[in-house]
Structures are given as C-alpha cells and as structure tokens.
Amino acid sequence: MKYALGLNPYTTYSPGNTSLPLVKMQNVSGTNYLTLTFTGVATDVTYKVQATSNLNGPWTTIKTFPSGGTAPGTQTVQDTQAIGATGQRYLQLIMTNP
C-alpha cells in the first residue's frame, strides 16, 4: 500500500493523515454521495475503487485505474449510488500488482 501511494515505508501514518486515502461526503446537485480520494504513484499497480451496501459484500468495482503506462495521480471517485438510497454505503481502495 505504501509503495502504491508513494508513502515512506518506515513511517507510521495515523488515521486522517492527508497522505492516506480519504472517504468523505460530497454534495452533487443537491444529492449527497460518498467519494474516495487517493494519490496513486506506481505505474505497475492496478487501483480499484469498490463500493457496497454491506461490509460482507458483494463489492462492486466502480472505477479501475489499470497498471502500465502512467500512474493515476490524485483521483476522486464518486460512488454510483446516493447516500440514503440503499441505507448504509461503504467504499474501499484495492491495489494489486498484476
């Protein structure tokens, strides 16, 4: 995770650190959505933002930044469902090296 996000491998990052991925609520045209913001720096990592209404799954991939070529840089991905439309909503960032 630290490699993919360009973080120092010897540093312990506390929750809420601005270098870590951030999930927050964003109002879009009067409707609230969760968004996940992260900065991906590795070109050999696939970044997937996934969403669910149940922590036990299933998780649905809503955006993929494939490996190869360029790193995605700073990205903000908006959930596909509004807050409150399905009760609870969760986002996660999955990083893999193919």
Protein backbone atom coordinates (compact mmCIF):
# COMPACT_ATOMS: atom_id res chain seq x y z
CA MET A 1 0.00 0.00 0.00
CA LYS A 2 2.74 2.46 0.92
CA TYR A 3 4.58 1.75 -2.34
CA ALA A 4 1.44 2.29 -4.45
CA LEU A 5 0.62 5.55 -2.66
CA GLY A 6 4.20 6.88 -2.61
CA LEU A 7 4.46 6.83 1.17
CA ASN A 8 7.57 6.36 3.28
CA PRO A 9 7.77 2.64 4.23
CA TYR A 10 9.33 3.49 7.60
CA THR A 11 6.67 5.99 8.69
CA THR A 12 3.58 5.08 10.69
CA TYR A 13 0.62 7.06 9.37
CA SER A 14 -2.23 7.90 11.72
CA PRO A 15 -5.85 7.72 10.55
CA GLY A 16 -6.82 11.02 8.98
CA ASN A 17 -3.32 11.72 7.67
CA THR A 18 -3.67 13.73 4.45
CA SER A 19 -1.38 11.29 2.60
CA LEU A 20 -3.83 8.41 3.11
CA PRO A 21 -6.93 7.70 1.00
CA LEU A 22 -9.90 9.74 2.18
CA VAL A 23 -13.62 8.92 2.06
CA LYS A 24 -15.98 11.83 2.51
CA MET A 25 -19.44 13.03 1.58
CA GLN A 26 -19.82 15.33 -1.42
CA ASN A 27 -22.96 17.17 -2.49
CA VAL A 28 -23.61 16.97 -6.23
CA SER A 29 -26.60 18.95 -7.50
CA GLY A 30 -28.38 18.63 -4.15
CA THR A 31 -27.67 14.90 -3.72
CA ASN A 32 -25.06 13.51 -1.31
CA TYR A 33 -22.58 10.88 -2.48
CA LEU A 34 -19.56 9.24 -0.89
CA THR A 35 -16.27 9.96 -2.64
CA LEU A 36 -12.87 8.35 -2.25
CA THR A 37 -9.76 10.44 -2.94
CA PHE A 38 -6.29 8.93 -3.27
CA THR A 39 -2.97 9.62 -4.97
CA GLY A 40 -1.56 6.68 -6.92
CA VAL A 41 2.09 6.99 -7.92
CA ALA A 42 3.01 3.50 -9.16
CA THR A 43 2.78 2.58 -12.84
CA ASP A 44 2.86 -1.17 -12.15
CA VAL A 45 -0.15 -1.25 -9.81
CA THR A 46 -3.85 -1.58 -10.62
CA TYR A 47 -6.06 0.65 -8.45
CA LYS A 48 -9.74 -0.27 -7.98
CA VAL A 49 -12.34 1.72 -6.09
CA GLN A 50 -15.13 -0.54 -4.89
CA ALA A 51 -18.50 0.08 -3.22
CA THR A 52 -21.04 -1.93 -1.26
CA SER A 53 -24.07 -1.53 0.97
CA ASN A 54 -22.98 -4.46 3.16
CA LEU A 55 -19.46 -4.94 4.54
CA ASN A 56 -19.82 -8.68 3.91
CA GLY A 57 -20.16 -7.91 0.19
CA PRO A 58 -20.54 -8.27 -2.58
CA TRP A 59 -18.22 -5.39 -3.54
CA THR A 60 -18.74 -3.73 -6.92
CA THR A 61 -15.86 -2.08 -8.77
CA ILE A 62 -16.93 1.42 -9.75
CA LYS A 63 -13.62 2.65 -11.20
CA THR A 64 -10.37 0.96 -12.26
CA PHE A 65 -7.03 2.61 -12.99
CA PRO A 66 -5.04 -0.09 -14.82
CA SER A 67 -1.33 -0.65 -14.47
CA GLY A 68 1.05 0.08 -17.31
CA GLY A 69 1.78 3.46 -18.76
CA THR A 70 1.23 6.26 -16.29
CA ALA A 71 0.30 6.44 -12.63
CA PRO A 72 -3.22 7.74 -11.97
CA GLY A 73 -2.05 10.65 -9.79
CA THR A 74 -4.62 12.25 -7.49
CA GLN A 75 -8.11 10.92 -8.20
CA THR A 76 -11.51 11.45 -6.62
CA VAL A 77 -14.04 8.73 -7.42
CA GLN A 78 -17.74 9.28 -6.72
CA ASP A 79 -19.98 6.39 -5.66
CA THR A 80 -22.66 5.36 -8.13
CA GLN A 81 -25.43 5.42 -5.52
CA ALA A 82 -26.55 8.37 -3.44
CA ILE A 83 -26.24 8.28 0.34
CA GLY A 84 -29.52 7.09 1.80
CA ALA A 85 -30.66 5.37 -1.39
CA THR A 86 -29.70 1.94 -0.02
CA GLY A 87 -29.21 2.59 3.69
CA GLN A 88 -25.52 2.23 4.50
CA ARG A 89 -22.77 2.65 1.92
CA TYR A 90 -19.05 1.84 2.00
CA LEU A 91 -16.07 2.49 -0.30
CA GLN A 92 -12.66 0.80 -0.40
CA LEU A 93 -9.47 1.10 -2.43
CA ILE A 94 -7.88 -2.16 -3.65
CA MET A 95 -4.33 -2.06 -5.03
CA THR A 96 -2.80 -5.04 -6.83
CA ASN A 97 0.37 -5.72 -8.72
CA PRO A 98 -0.58 -7.99 -11.65
